[in-house]
């Protein structure tokens, strides 16, 4: 089918934001279908219990993977729809200034930090004591990515429907205020994780400007496995100083530009999204398949 082929192509040549969206959708759709059918055979399994992050740290002893897995699962269609829209929005802005491995590292380590804040809050806040709940969703990681971008270029202008041009920090402020106002209401743990993710993203960029990459160890792990599976030696990224209506930072490290090949891929993907795969020329199709190898 043409749609399946288009989806395979976009995943194959898509950037890390596209791949993260695909993975999140897969982790939502496949278990929902499988475990939605099982009750017909009188088998009921609450699969979210095995992938969500518990507010009780002791639960990590029997399901340690949940410190990361919770950031890839969602409990409803509107939950994942909003988070994926925000991931696409924040991720595209992030990639203007940073590289793809930095985004992937921030997604994972942001979820680790936000999840830790979530569990610690239930341990030390009296109002949350003796409350056992669980956390799922990519929103904490998305907040880390968004606030990392805000920390680097707060004056960047974004055009919003019905609102016109607004500064990026205005959007970030509205989101964080919403979380703060909703803390006493339901989903307290979720809002605490949002704030934790936002804080981590802000600190990440501030330290990166001074030459310290607190996610560098995870990026090294990515490089290690990439080298094993590709059989090629990875080369370090070039350093570059970029800004978008923000003060010039003299000391910036590990911030990279995208090469011309990636820019051409982005342009072709835009053409596919607007006119479909059949609108590509023979040369463009050949370029996409070569780029995906």
C-alpha atoms as a PDB file:
ATOM      1  CA  UNK A   1       0.000   0.000   0.000  1.00  0.00           C
ATOM      2  CA  UNK A   2       1.138   3.500  -0.860  1.00  0.00           C
ATOM      3  CA  UNK A   3       0.524   4.840   2.661  1.00  0.00           C
ATOM      4  CA  UNK A   4       2.604   2.068   4.242  1.00  0.00           C
ATOM      5  CA  UNK A   5       5.433   2.706   1.801  1.00  0.00           C
ATOM      6  CA  UNK A   6       5.351   6.433   2.547  1.00  0.00           C
ATOM      7  CA  UNK A   7       5.454   5.753   6.296  1.00  0.00           C
ATOM      8  CA  UNK A   8       8.377   3.353   5.907  1.00  0.00           C
ATOM      9  CA  UNK A   9      10.251   5.900   3.824  1.00  0.00           C
ATOM     10  CA  UNK A  10       9.649   8.740   6.271  1.00  0.00           C
ATOM     11  CA  UNK A  11      10.810   6.609   9.193  1.00  0.00           C
ATOM     12  CA  UNK A  12      13.869   5.386   7.302  1.00  0.00           C
ATOM     13  CA  UNK A  13      15.132   8.825   6.324  1.00  0.00           C
ATOM     14  CA  UNK A  14      13.440  10.883   9.027  1.00  0.00           C
ATOM     15  CA  UNK A  15      15.352  12.763  11.687  1.00  0.00           C
ATOM     16  CA  UNK A  16      15.354  11.859  15.369  1.00  0.00           C
ATOM     17  CA  UNK A  17      12.133  13.807  16.039  1.00  0.00           C
ATOM     18  CA  UNK A  18      10.305  11.795  13.389  1.00  0.00           C
ATOM     19  CA  UNK A  19      11.675   8.521  14.753  1.00  0.00           C
ATOM     20  CA  UNK A  20      10.710   9.405  18.335  1.00  0.00           C
ATOM     21  CA  UNK A  21       7.171  10.200  17.199  1.00  0.00           C
ATOM     22  CA  UNK A  22       6.974   6.894  15.330  1.00  0.00           C
ATOM     23  CA  UNK A  23       8.234   4.969  18.365  1.00  0.00           C
ATOM     24  CA  UNK A  24       5.782   6.688  20.713  1.00  0.00           C
ATOM     25  CA  UNK A  25       2.883   5.945  18.382  1.00  0.00           C
ATOM     26  CA  UNK A  26       3.987   2.321  18.026  1.00  0.00           C
ATOM     27  CA  UNK A  27       4.279   1.852  21.803  1.00  0.00           C
ATOM     28  CA  UNK A  28       0.775   3.296  22.163  1.00  0.00           C
ATOM     29  CA  UNK A  29      -1.015   1.617  19.257  1.00  0.00           C
ATOM     30  CA  UNK A  30       0.365  -1.936  19.376  1.00  0.00           C
ATOM     31  CA  UNK A  31      -0.269  -2.631  23.113  1.00  0.00           C
ATOM     32  CA  UNK A  32      -3.675  -0.906  22.898  1.00  0.00           C
ATOM     33  CA  UNK A  33      -4.723  -3.275  20.106  1.00  0.00           C
ATOM     34  CA  UNK A  34      -3.200  -6.428  21.578  1.00  0.00           C
ATOM     35  CA  UNK A  35      -4.354  -5.939  25.165  1.00  0.00           C
ATOM     36  CA  UNK A  36      -7.673  -4.560  23.948  1.00  0.00           C
ATOM     37  CA  UNK A  37      -8.422  -7.857  22.184  1.00  0.00           C
ATOM     38  CA  UNK A  38      -7.284 -10.135  25.022  1.00  0.00           C
ATOM     39  CA  UNK A  39     -10.393  -9.482  27.202  1.00  0.00           C
ATOM     40  CA  UNK A  40     -12.409 -11.246  24.474  1.00  0.00           C
ATOM     41  CA  UNK A  41     -10.523 -14.367  25.558  1.00  0.00           C
ATOM     42  CA  UNK A  42     -11.104 -13.558  29.244  1.00  0.00           C
ATOM     43  CA  UNK A  43      -7.525 -12.371  29.702  1.00  0.00           C
ATOM     44  CA  UNK A  44      -7.126  -8.982  31.368  1.00  0.00           C
ATOM     45  CA  UNK A  45      -3.662  -7.469  31.685  1.00  0.00           C
ATOM     46  CA  UNK A  46      -2.944  -3.914  32.776  1.00  0.00           C
ATOM     47  CA  UNK A  47       0.193  -3.482  30.682  1.00  0.00           C
ATOM     48  CA  UNK A  48       0.670   0.154  31.777  1.00  0.00           C
ATOM     49  CA  UNK A  49       1.413  -1.138  35.262  1.00  0.00           C
ATOM     50  CA  UNK A  50       4.597  -2.723  33.878  1.00  0.00           C
ATOM     51  CA  UNK A  51       5.866   0.320  31.958  1.00  0.00           C
ATOM     52  CA  UNK A  52       4.678   3.270  34.060  1.00  0.00           C
ATOM     53  CA  UNK A  53       6.861   4.885  36.728  1.00  0.00           C
ATOM     54  CA  UNK A  54       5.598   4.311  40.242  1.00  0.00           C
ATOM     55  CA  UNK A  55       5.713   7.045  42.868  1.00  0.00           C
ATOM     56  CA  UNK A  56       7.177   4.398  45.195  1.00  0.00           C
ATOM     57  CA  UNK A  57      10.957   4.116  44.510  1.00  0.00           C
ATOM     58  CA  UNK A  58      10.958   0.542  45.852  1.00  0.00           C
ATOM     59  CA  UNK A  59       8.988  -0.541  42.780  1.00  0.00           C
ATOM     60  CA  UNK A  60      12.122   0.140  40.731  1.00  0.00           C
ATOM     61  CA  UNK A  61      13.602  -3.002  42.286  1.00  0.00           C
ATOM     62  CA  UNK A  62      11.304  -5.204  40.198  1.00  0.00           C
ATOM     63  CA  UNK A  63      10.763  -2.928  37.190  1.00  0.00           C
ATOM     64  CA  UNK A  64      13.880  -0.713  36.854  1.00  0.00           C
ATOM     65  CA  UNK A  65      13.231  -0.060  33.149  1.00  0.00           C
ATOM     66  CA  UNK A  66      10.269   2.167  34.033  1.00  0.00           C
ATOM     67  CA  UNK A  67      12.551   5.133  34.768  1.00  0.00           C
ATOM     68  CA  UNK A  68      12.821   5.395  30.962  1.00  0.00           C
ATOM     69  CA  UNK A  69       9.897   3.405  29.571  1.00  0.00           C
ATOM     70  CA  UNK A  70       7.248   5.705  31.072  1.00  0.00           C
ATOM     71  CA  UNK A  71       8.353   8.415  28.624  1.00  0.00           C
ATOM     72  CA  UNK A  72       7.243   6.284  25.637  1.00  0.00           C
ATOM     73  CA  UNK A  73       3.772   5.182  26.756  1.00  0.00           C
ATOM     74  CA  UNK A  74       0.466   7.062  27.002  1.00  0.00           C
ATOM     75  CA  UNK A  75      -2.919   6.275  28.496  1.00  0.00           C
ATOM     76  CA  UNK A  76      -5.229   7.807  25.869  1.00  0.00           C
ATOM     77  CA  UNK A  77      -5.496   9.101  22.329  1.00  0.00           C
ATOM     78  CA  UNK A  78      -5.702  12.753  23.349  1.00  0.00           C
ATOM     79  CA  UNK A  79      -2.764  12.292  25.704  1.00  0.00           C
ATOM     80  CA  UNK A  80      -0.455  11.028  22.973  1.00  0.00           C
ATOM     81  CA  UNK A  81      -1.856  13.433  20.348  1.00  0.00           C
ATOM     82  CA  UNK A  82      -1.022  16.526  22.423  1.00  0.00           C
ATOM     83  CA  UNK A  83       2.397  15.198  23.459  1.00  0.00           C
ATOM     84  CA  UNK A  84       3.394  14.319  19.884  1.00  0.00           C
ATOM     85  CA  UNK A  85       2.306  17.732  18.604  1.00  0.00           C
ATOM     86  CA  UNK A  86       4.424  19.355  21.307  1.00  0.00           C
ATOM     87  CA  UNK A  87       7.354  17.001  20.609  1.00  0.00           C
ATOM     88  CA  UNK A  88       7.261  17.936  16.928  1.00  0.00           C
ATOM     89  CA  UNK A  89       7.067  21.644  17.793  1.00  0.00           C
ATOM     90  CA  UNK A  90       9.807  21.637  20.440  1.00  0.00           C
ATOM     91  CA  UNK A  91      12.021  19.156  18.589  1.00  0.00           C
ATOM     92  CA  UNK A  92      12.077  21.154  15.333  1.00  0.00           C
ATOM     93  CA  UNK A  93      13.073  24.298  17.222  1.00  0.00           C
ATOM     94  CA  UNK A  94      15.749  22.424  19.171  1.00  0.00           C
ATOM     95  CA  UNK A  95      17.351  21.101  15.973  1.00  0.00           C
ATOM     96  CA  UNK A  96      17.853  24.651  14.698  1.00  0.00           C
ATOM     97  CA  UNK A  97      20.621  25.064  17.266  1.00  0.00           C
ATOM     98  CA  UNK A  98      21.632  21.547  18.333  1.00  0.00           C
ATOM     99  CA  UNK A  99      22.227  18.149  16.745  1.00  0.00           C
ATOM    100  CA  UNK A 100      20.109  15.021  16.684  1.00  0.00           C
ATOM    101  CA  UNK A 101      22.135  12.987  19.161  1.00  0.00           C
ATOM    102  CA  UNK A 102      21.875  15.828  21.666  1.00  0.00           C
ATOM    103  CA  UNK A 103      18.084  15.779  21.285  1.00  0.00           C
ATOM    104  CA  UNK A 104      17.905  12.019  21.784  1.00  0.00           C
ATOM    105  CA  UNK A 105      20.166  12.218  24.838  1.00  0.00           C
ATOM    106  CA  UNK A 106      18.122  15.058  26.306  1.00  0.00           C
ATOM    107  CA  UNK A 107      14.892  13.112  25.738  1.00  0.00           C
ATOM    108  CA  UNK A 108      16.199  10.157  27.768  1.00  0.00           C
ATOM    109  CA  UNK A 109      18.115  11.990  30.481  1.00  0.00           C
ATOM    110  CA  UNK A 110      15.336  14.578  30.795  1.00  0.00           C
ATOM    111  CA  UNK A 111      12.921  11.720  31.514  1.00  0.00           C
ATOM    112  CA  UNK A 112      15.389  10.268  34.042  1.00  0.00           C
ATOM    113  CA  UNK A 113      15.690  13.583  35.893  1.00  0.00           C
ATOM    114  CA  UNK A 114      11.959  14.367  35.759  1.00  0.00           C
ATOM    115  CA  UNK A 115      11.103  10.856  36.945  1.00  0.00           C
ATOM    116  CA  UNK A 116      13.482  11.236  39.877  1.00  0.00           C
ATOM    117  CA  UNK A 117      11.863  14.563  40.842  1.00  0.00           C
ATOM    118  CA  UNK A 118       8.476  12.852  40.620  1.00  0.00           C
ATOM    119  CA  UNK A 119       9.440  10.066  43.024  1.00  0.00           C
ATOM    120  CA  UNK A 120      11.279  12.375  45.440  1.00  0.00           C
ATOM    121  CA  UNK A 121       8.261  14.673  45.630  1.00  0.00           C
ATOM    122  CA  UNK A 122       6.059  11.823  46.808  1.00  0.00           C
ATOM    123  CA  UNK A 123       8.673  10.918  49.392  1.00  0.00           C
ATOM    124  CA  UNK A 124       9.209  14.343  50.968  1.00  0.00           C
ATOM    125  CA  UNK A 125       6.026  16.389  50.441  1.00  0.00           C
ATOM    126  CA  UNK A 126       3.669  15.704  53.387  1.00  0.00           C
ATOM    127  CA  UNK A 127       0.563  16.200  51.239  1.00  0.00           C
ATOM    128  CA  UNK A 128       1.734  13.431  48.924  1.00  0.00           C
ATOM    129  CA  UNK A 129       2.928  11.006  51.591  1.00  0.00           C
ATOM    130  CA  UNK A 130       1.443   7.511  51.508  1.00  0.00           C
ATOM    131  CA  UNK A 131      -0.003   8.158  48.050  1.00  0.00           C
ATOM    132  CA  UNK A 132       0.761   5.473  45.495  1.00  0.00           C
ATOM    133  CA  UNK A 133       0.334   6.524  41.886  1.00  0.00           C
ATOM    134  CA  UNK A 134       2.072   6.094  38.538  1.00  0.00           C
ATOM    135  CA  UNK A 135       3.377   8.256  35.717  1.00  0.00           C
ATOM    136  CA  UNK A 136       3.314   7.796  31.927  1.00  0.00           C
ATOM    137  CA  UNK A 137       3.803  10.142  28.991  1.00  0.00           C
ATOM    138  CA  UNK A 138       6.483  11.959  27.024  1.00  0.00           C
ATOM    139  CA  UNK A 139       5.539  15.405  28.315  1.00  0.00           C
ATOM    140  CA  UNK A 140       8.436  15.704  30.803  1.00  0.00           C
ATOM    141  CA  UNK A 141      10.974  14.939  28.072  1.00  0.00           C
ATOM    142  CA  UNK A 142       9.212  17.366  25.737  1.00  0.00           C
ATOM    143  CA  UNK A 143       9.416  20.085  28.378  1.00  0.00           C
ATOM    144  CA  UNK A 144      13.150  19.420  28.734  1.00  0.00           C
ATOM    145  CA  UNK A 145      13.620  19.843  24.974  1.00  0.00           C
ATOM    146  CA  UNK A 146      11.463  22.967  24.821  1.00  0.00           C
ATOM    147  CA  UNK A 147      13.122  24.715  27.765  1.00  0.00           C
ATOM    148  CA  UNK A 148      16.598  23.809  26.504  1.00  0.00           C
ATOM    149  CA  UNK A 149      15.706  25.745  23.344  1.00  0.00           C
ATOM    150  CA  UNK A 150      14.183  28.597  25.347  1.00  0.00           C
ATOM    151  CA  UNK A 151      17.329  28.771  27.449  1.00  0.00           C
ATOM    152  CA  UNK A 152      19.414  29.207  24.298  1.00  0.00           C
ATOM    153  CA  UNK A 153      17.167  31.544  22.305  1.00  0.00           C
ATOM    154  CA  UNK A 154      14.377  33.013  24.468  1.00  0.00           C
ATOM    155  CA  UNK A 155      13.689  35.908  22.062  1.00  0.00           C
ATOM    156  CA  UNK A 156      13.053  33.684  19.062  1.00  0.00           C
ATOM    157  CA  UNK A 157       9.726  34.674  17.482  1.00  0.00           C
ATOM    158  CA  UNK A 158       7.034  32.063  16.863  1.00  0.00           C
ATOM    159  CA  UNK A 159       3.906  32.726  14.816  1.00  0.00           C
ATOM    160  CA  UNK A 160       0.800  31.244  16.440  1.00  0.00           C
ATOM    161  CA  UNK A 161      -2.671  30.983  14.975  1.00  0.00           C
ATOM    162  CA  UNK A 162      -5.016  33.633  16.469  1.00  0.00           C
ATOM    163  CA  UNK A 163      -2.141  35.183  18.461  1.00  0.00           C
ATOM    164  CA  UNK A 164       0.331  36.261  15.786  1.00  0.00           C
ATOM    165  CA  UNK A 165       4.015  36.576  16.614  1.00  0.00           C
ATOM    166  CA  UNK A 166       5.069  35.771  20.169  1.00  0.00           C
ATOM    167  CA  UNK A 167       8.431  35.226  21.801  1.00  0.00           C
ATOM    168  CA  UNK A 168       9.441  31.660  22.593  1.00  0.00           C
ATOM    169  CA  UNK A 169       9.814  32.496  26.277  1.00  0.00           C
ATOM    170  CA  UNK A 170       6.165  33.635  26.331  1.00  0.00           C
ATOM    171  CA  UNK A 171       5.054  30.127  25.333  1.00  0.00           C
ATOM    172  CA  UNK A 172       7.334  28.554  27.927  1.00  0.00           C
ATOM    173  CA  UNK A 173       6.025  30.891  30.633  1.00  0.00           C
ATOM    174  CA  UNK A 174       2.396  30.027  29.891  1.00  0.00           C
ATOM    175  CA  UNK A 175       3.120  26.296  30.044  1.00  0.00           C
ATOM    176  CA  UNK A 176       5.008  26.472  33.323  1.00  0.00           C
ATOM    177  CA  UNK A 177       2.350  28.714  34.917  1.00  0.00           C
ATOM    178  CA  UNK A 178      -0.351  26.210  33.912  1.00  0.00           C
ATOM    179  CA  UNK A 179       1.596  23.437  35.636  1.00  0.00           C
ATOM    180  CA  UNK A 180       2.093  25.521  38.766  1.00  0.00           C
ATOM    181  CA  UNK A 181      -1.610  26.405  38.993  1.00  0.00           C
ATOM    182  CA  UNK A 182      -2.642  22.772  38.549  1.00  0.00           C
ATOM    183  CA  UNK A 183      -0.290  21.355  41.177  1.00  0.00           C
ATOM    184  CA  UNK A 184      -2.982  21.292  43.934  1.00  0.00           C
ATOM    185  CA  UNK A 185      -5.454  19.669  41.547  1.00  0.00           C
ATOM    186  CA  UNK A 186      -5.426  16.239  39.959  1.00  0.00           C
ATOM    187  CA  UNK A 187      -2.331  14.737  38.318  1.00  0.00           C
ATOM    188  CA  UNK A 188       0.023  16.449  40.753  1.00  0.00           C
ATOM    189  CA  UNK A 189       2.819  14.035  39.923  1.00  0.00           C
ATOM    190  CA  UNK A 190       2.508  14.731  36.213  1.00  0.00           C
ATOM    191  CA  UNK A 191       2.828  18.464  36.713  1.00  0.00           C
ATOM    192  CA  UNK A 192       5.797  17.970  39.034  1.00  0.00           C
ATOM    193  CA  UNK A 193       7.534  15.942  36.332  1.00  0.00           C
ATOM    194  CA  UNK A 194       6.830  18.708  33.796  1.00  0.00           C
ATOM    195  CA  UNK A 195       8.507  21.262  36.060  1.00  0.00           C
ATOM    196  CA  UNK A 196      11.427  18.889  36.640  1.00  0.00           C
ATOM    197  CA  UNK A 197      11.871  18.367  32.903  1.00  0.00           C
ATOM    198  CA  UNK A 198      11.695  22.116  32.236  1.00  0.00           C
ATOM    199  CA  UNK A 199      14.320  22.811  34.898  1.00  0.00           C
ATOM    200  CA  UNK A 200      16.645  20.158  33.521  1.00  0.00           C
ATOM    201  CA  UNK A 201      16.331  21.498  29.985  1.00  0.00           C
ATOM    202  CA  UNK A 202      17.171  25.020  31.122  1.00  0.00           C
ATOM    203  CA  UNK A 203      20.213  23.880  33.116  1.00  0.00           C
ATOM    204  CA  UNK A 204      21.345  21.657  30.251  1.00  0.00           C
ATOM    205  CA  UNK A 205      21.756  24.564  27.849  1.00  0.00           C
ATOM    206  CA  UNK A 206      23.246  26.926  30.419  1.00  0.00           C
ATOM    207  CA  UNK A 207      25.958  24.388  31.224  1.00  0.00           C
ATOM    208  CA  UNK A 208      26.426  23.571  27.541  1.00  0.00           C
ATOM    209  CA  UNK A 209      27.205  27.231  26.839  1.00  0.00           C
ATOM    210  CA  UNK A 210      30.035  26.935  29.351  1.00  0.00           C
ATOM    211  CA  UNK A 211      31.398  23.800  27.694  1.00  0.00           C
ATOM    212  CA  UNK A 212      29.804  21.166  29.973  1.00  0.00           C
ATOM    213  CA  UNK A 213      27.478  18.620  28.400  1.00  0.00           C
ATOM    214  CA  UNK A 214      25.681  16.872  31.262  1.00  0.00           C
ATOM    215  CA  UNK A 215      24.155  14.455  28.735  1.00  0.00           C
ATOM    216  CA  UNK A 216      27.523  13.779  27.107  1.00  0.00           C
ATOM    217  CA  UNK A 217      27.888  10.366  28.764  1.00  0.00           C
ATOM    218  CA  UNK A 218      24.633   9.218  27.175  1.00  0.00           C
ATOM    219  CA  UNK A 219      25.703  10.611  23.804  1.00  0.00           C
ATOM    220  CA  UNK A 220      28.895   8.547  24.147  1.00  0.00           C
ATOM    221  CA  UNK A 221      26.756   5.452  24.676  1.00  0.00           C
ATOM    222  CA  UNK A 222      24.811   6.277  21.506  1.00  0.00           C
ATOM    223  CA  UNK A 223      28.083   6.703  19.614  1.00  0.00           C
ATOM    224  CA  UNK A 224      29.364   3.387  20.969  1.00  0.00           C
ATOM    225  CA  UNK A 225      26.355   1.384  19.809  1.00  0.00           C
ATOM    226  CA  UNK A 226      26.175   3.311  16.528  1.00  0.00           C
ATOM    227  CA  UNK A 227      29.786   2.302  15.863  1.00  0.00           C
ATOM    228  CA  UNK A 228      29.060  -1.349  16.651  1.00  0.00           C
ATOM    229  CA  UNK A 229      26.008  -1.635  14.413  1.00  0.00           C
ATOM    230  CA  UNK A 230      27.338   0.468  11.544  1.00  0.00           C
ATOM    231  CA  UNK A 231      30.897  -0.836  11.621  1.00  0.00           C
ATOM    232  CA  UNK A 232      32.129   2.682  10.963  1.00  0.00           C
ATOM    233  CA  UNK A 233      34.171   4.967  13.138  1.00  0.00           C
ATOM    234  CA  UNK A 234      32.186   8.013  14.178  1.00  0.00           C
ATOM    235  CA  UNK A 235      33.713  11.434  13.758  1.00  0.00           C
ATOM    236  CA  UNK A 236      33.189  14.333  16.118  1.00  0.00           C
ATOM    237  CA  UNK A 237      30.763  17.055  15.114  1.00  0.00           C
ATOM    238  CA  UNK A 238      31.995  20.462  14.129  1.00  0.00           C
ATOM    239  CA  UNK A 239      31.556  23.258  16.597  1.00  0.00           C
ATOM    240  CA  UNK A 240      29.607  26.329  15.632  1.00  0.00           C
ATOM    241  CA  UNK A 241      28.273  29.445  17.273  1.00  0.00           C
ATOM    242  CA  UNK A 242      24.693  30.186  16.284  1.00  0.00           C
ATOM    243  CA  UNK A 243      22.086  32.524  17.654  1.00  0.00           C
ATOM    244  CA  UNK A 244      18.579  33.667  16.818  1.00  0.00           C
ATOM    245  CA  UNK A 245      17.866  37.130  18.217  1.00  0.00           C
ATOM    246  CA  UNK A 246      19.829  36.279  21.329  1.00  0.00           C
ATOM    247  CA  UNK A 247      23.055  37.622  22.865  1.00  0.00           C
ATOM    248  CA  UNK A 248      26.212  36.265  21.284  1.00  0.00           C
ATOM    249  CA  UNK A 249      27.814  33.563  23.402  1.00  0.00           C
ATOM    250  CA  UNK A 250      31.561  33.388  22.998  1.00  0.00           C
ATOM    251  CA  UNK A 251      32.053  29.972  24.522  1.00  0.00           C
ATOM    252  CA  UNK A 252      29.712  27.419  23.031  1.00  0.00           C
ATOM    253  CA  UNK A 253      30.591  23.800  22.619  1.00  0.00           C
ATOM    254  CA  UNK A 254      28.959  20.742  21.071  1.00  0.00           C
ATOM    255  CA  UNK A 255      26.422  22.863  19.156  1.00  0.00           C
ATOM    256  CA  UNK A 256      26.437  21.882  15.515  1.00  0.00           C
ATOM    257  CA  UNK A 257      24.965  22.754  12.129  1.00  0.00           C
ATOM    258  CA  UNK A 258      23.127  20.402   9.822  1.00  0.00           C
ATOM    259  CA  UNK A 259      24.865  19.434   6.588  1.00  0.00           C
ATOM    260  CA  UNK A 260      23.513  20.150   3.118  1.00  0.00           C
ATOM    261  CA  UNK A 261      22.430  16.539   2.684  1.00  0.00           C
ATOM    262  CA  UNK A 262      20.088  16.742   5.682  1.00  0.00           C
ATOM    263  CA  UNK A 263      18.716  20.063   4.436  1.00  0.00           C
ATOM    264  CA  UNK A 264      17.946  18.482   1.064  1.00  0.00           C
ATOM    265  CA  UNK A 265      16.243  15.567   2.801  1.00  0.00           C
ATOM    266  CA  UNK A 266      14.096  18.003   4.819  1.00  0.00           C
ATOM    267  CA  UNK A 267      13.076  19.813   1.635  1.00  0.00           C
ATOM    268  CA  UNK A 268      12.100  16.557  -0.060  1.00  0.00           C
ATOM    269  CA  UNK A 269      10.090  15.444   2.999  1.00  0.00           C
ATOM    270  CA  UNK A 270       8.235  18.764   2.938  1.00  0.00           C
ATOM    271  CA  UNK A 271       7.420  18.105  -0.705  1.00  0.00           C
ATOM    272  CA  UNK A 272       6.115  14.624   0.191  1.00  0.00           C
ATOM    273  CA  UNK A 273       3.920  16.017   2.980  1.00  0.00           C
ATOM    274  CA  UNK A 274       2.428  18.593   0.622  1.00  0.00           C
ATOM    275  CA  UNK A 275       2.094  16.680  -2.664  1.00  0.00           C
ATOM    276  CA  UNK A 276       2.731  13.021  -1.863  1.00  0.00           C
ATOM    277  CA  UNK A 277       5.493  10.602  -2.716  1.00  0.00           C
ATOM    278  CA  UNK A 278       4.500  10.422  -6.392  1.00  0.00           C
ATOM    279  CA  UNK A 279       5.335  14.105  -6.840  1.00  0.00           C
ATOM    280  CA  UNK A 280       9.054  13.378  -6.393  1.00  0.00           C
ATOM    281  CA  UNK A 281      11.330  13.262  -9.402  1.00  0.00           C
ATOM    282  CA  UNK A 282      13.354  10.148 -10.174  1.00  0.00           C
ATOM    283  CA  UNK A 283      16.503  11.887  -8.935  1.00  0.00           C
ATOM    284  CA  UNK A 284      14.835  12.859  -5.643  1.00  0.00           C
ATOM    285  CA  UNK A 285      13.622   9.293  -5.030  1.00  0.00           C
ATOM    286  CA  UNK A 286      17.097   7.906  -5.707  1.00  0.00           C
ATOM    287  CA  UNK A 287      18.626  10.490  -3.368  1.00  0.00           C
ATOM    288  CA  UNK A 288      16.236   9.475  -0.528  1.00  0.00           C
ATOM    289  CA  UNK A 289      17.005   5.770  -0.800  1.00  0.00           C
ATOM    290  CA  UNK A 290      20.750   6.431  -0.983  1.00  0.00           C
ATOM    291  CA  UNK A 291      20.508   8.680   2.081  1.00  0.00           C
ATOM    292  CA  UNK A 292      18.680   5.972   3.992  1.00  0.00           C
ATOM    293  CA  UNK A 293      21.363   3.348   3.429  1.00  0.00           C
END
